[in-house]
Amino acid sequence: MRYSFHAQGHPNVTSAHKTTFEVTMDPEIGEAADCIIGVSSEKSMLNFPEEFKKAIAKNNSSIRVVLTTKNAYDEIKGTGNVSLSLDHPTDIVCRKSDYVCSRTLMIKSDKAACDLNPLLIEDLSKGEKLNVDIIVE
């Protein structure tokens, strides 16, 4: 199953966070928001189809997030969990840890913001469009 949407980069994207990365519907972020890589997302987890949410919210479901800008891409792998509510109205967070809250899309991510392709982050810090593809297997 695949779900795709767009977000935007922002001048304050630093991608320095060591345990998470986030895409948000919020249009602005501050300089301290070092996990946020995309703003003004056209979708939140509330928009995910129910069948898609059910596939994610299974223990050890395999999830891939593919991030693409005009000059770069990256692929992040993680897992789902039965405790994921997938109902946050604005934020989508991928975590290296097992921590689960309403903002969590996946846990046990193999990358955080600081691990992402530097060319991707360069595009995002210039405000380029971000394509987000979430694939559940």
Protein backbone atom coordinates (compact mmCIF):
# COMPACT_ATOMS: atom_id res chain seq x y z
CA MET A 1 0.00 0.00 0.00
CA ARG A 2 1.20 3.49 -0.81
CA TYR A 3 0.10 6.96 0.26
CA SER A 4 1.68 10.10 -1.21
CA PHE A 5 1.50 13.82 -0.50
CA HIS A 6 3.54 17.03 -0.69
CA ALA A 7 5.06 19.43 1.81
CA GLN A 8 7.48 22.36 1.53
CA GLY A 9 10.96 23.05 2.73
CA HIS A 10 11.69 26.06 4.92
CA PRO A 11 14.76 28.26 5.61
CA ASN A 12 14.87 27.00 9.22
CA VAL A 13 15.27 23.32 8.23
CA THR A 14 18.52 22.23 9.88
CA SER A 15 17.92 18.48 10.11
CA ALA A 16 20.07 18.13 13.22
CA HIS A 17 17.83 15.97 15.43
CA LYS A 18 19.36 12.62 16.37
CA THR A 19 16.27 10.49 17.04
CA THR A 20 13.35 11.74 14.90
CA PHE A 21 12.27 13.58 11.78
CA GLU A 22 8.95 15.30 11.23
CA VAL A 23 6.68 16.72 8.54
CA THR A 24 4.03 19.17 9.73
CA MET A 25 1.04 21.04 8.36
CA ASP A 26 2.23 24.14 10.20
CA PRO A 27 3.50 26.77 7.71
CA GLU A 28 6.25 28.16 9.95
CA ILE A 29 8.94 26.69 12.21
CA GLY A 30 11.45 28.31 14.51
CA GLU A 31 15.21 27.92 14.46
CA ALA A 32 15.08 25.35 17.29
CA ALA A 33 12.85 22.96 15.30
CA ASP A 34 15.75 20.72 14.32
CA CYS A 35 13.64 17.61 13.62
CA ILE A 36 11.18 19.25 11.19
CA ILE A 37 12.15 18.74 7.55
CA GLY A 38 8.87 19.74 5.86
CA VAL A 39 6.17 22.32 6.53
CA SER A 40 2.79 23.19 5.00
CA SER A 41 2.04 19.51 4.43
CA GLU A 42 -1.09 19.03 2.38
CA LYS A 43 -2.01 15.96 4.48
CA SER A 44 -1.92 14.77 8.07
CA MET A 45 -2.43 11.29 9.48
CA LEU A 46 -6.11 12.14 9.87
CA ASN A 47 -6.30 12.05 6.06
CA PHE A 48 -4.87 8.53 5.77
CA PRO A 49 -7.41 5.99 4.52
CA GLU A 50 -8.60 3.66 7.30
CA GLU A 51 -7.28 0.58 5.50
CA PHE A 52 -3.85 2.24 5.29
CA LYS A 53 -3.92 3.07 9.02
CA LYS A 54 -4.82 -0.54 9.86
CA ALA A 55 -1.84 -1.78 7.84
CA ILE A 56 0.51 0.59 9.71
CA ALA A 57 -0.92 -0.20 13.16
CA LYS A 58 0.24 -3.81 13.19
CA ASN A 59 3.17 -5.00 15.23
CA ASN A 60 6.25 -5.13 13.03
CA SER A 61 4.54 -3.98 9.82
CA SER A 62 7.27 -2.85 7.43
CA ILE A 63 7.09 0.86 6.59
CA ARG A 64 9.21 2.83 4.13
CA VAL A 65 9.16 6.60 3.79
CA VAL A 66 10.62 7.94 0.56
CA LEU A 67 11.46 11.65 0.57
CA THR A 68 12.15 13.36 -2.76
CA THR A 69 13.08 16.89 -3.80
CA LYS A 70 14.12 18.15 -7.23
CA ASN A 71 17.79 17.22 -6.65
CA ALA A 72 17.79 14.37 -4.13
CA TYR A 73 15.95 11.62 -2.34
CA ASP A 74 16.25 9.40 0.70
CA GLU A 75 14.54 6.27 1.90
CA ILE A 76 13.86 5.53 5.55
CA LYS A 77 12.72 2.17 6.94
CA GLY A 78 10.92 1.46 10.17
CA THR A 79 8.08 -0.53 11.68
CA GLY A 80 4.51 -0.06 12.74
CA ASN A 81 2.96 -0.93 16.07
CA VAL A 82 -0.49 -1.86 17.31
CA SER A 83 -0.37 1.11 19.75
CA LEU A 84 -0.14 3.73 16.98
CA SER A 85 -3.26 5.92 16.95
CA LEU A 86 -2.29 7.76 13.73
CA ASP A 87 -4.64 10.61 14.54
CA HIS A 88 -2.57 13.75 15.09
CA PRO A 89 -4.15 16.65 13.19
CA THR A 90 -0.88 18.29 12.00
CA ASP A 91 2.32 16.31 12.69
CA ILE A 92 3.84 13.13 11.27
CA VAL A 93 6.89 11.89 13.20
CA CYS A 94 9.22 8.98 12.46
CA ARG A 95 11.24 7.78 15.47
CA LYS A 96 14.36 5.68 16.00
CA SER A 97 12.99 4.70 19.41
CA ASP A 98 9.96 2.64 20.42
CA TYR A 99 8.13 5.71 21.76
CA VAL A 100 4.52 5.96 20.59
CA CYS A 101 2.18 8.96 20.74
CA SER A 102 -0.50 10.46 18.48
CA ARG A 103 2.23 12.10 16.35
CA THR A 104 4.10 8.84 15.65
CA LEU A 105 3.95 7.30 12.16
CA MET A 106 6.62 4.66 12.67
CA ILE A 107 9.10 3.42 15.25
CA LYS A 108 12.53 1.76 14.99
CA SER A 109 13.37 4.08 12.09
CA ASP A 110 16.78 3.48 10.57
CA LYS A 111 17.30 7.25 10.15
CA ALA A 112 16.60 10.48 11.99
CA ALA A 113 16.82 14.03 10.65
CA CYS A 114 20.60 14.14 11.11
CA ASP A 115 21.03 10.98 8.98
CA LEU A 116 19.16 12.22 5.91
CA ASN A 117 20.81 12.89 2.56
CA PRO A 118 22.58 16.29 2.81
CA LEU A 119 21.49 17.22 -0.74
CA LEU A 120 17.86 16.63 0.26
CA ILE A 121 18.28 18.86 3.31
CA GLU A 122 19.99 21.52 1.20
CA ASP A 123 16.97 21.60 -1.12
CA LEU A 124 14.57 21.76 1.83
CA SER A 125 16.46 24.61 3.51
CA LYS A 126 15.98 26.53 0.23
CA GLY A 127 12.20 26.01 0.44
CA GLU A 128 11.93 23.37 -2.29
CA LYS A 129 8.89 21.11 -2.60
CA LEU A 130 9.07 17.79 -0.72
CA ASN A 131 7.34 14.68 -2.07
CA VAL A 132 6.51 12.16 0.66
CA ASP A 133 5.65 8.55 -0.20
CA ILE A 134 4.70 6.17 2.62
CA ILE A 135 4.77 2.51 1.68
CA VAL A 136 3.46 -0.23 3.96
CA GLU A 137 4.30 -3.85 3.28
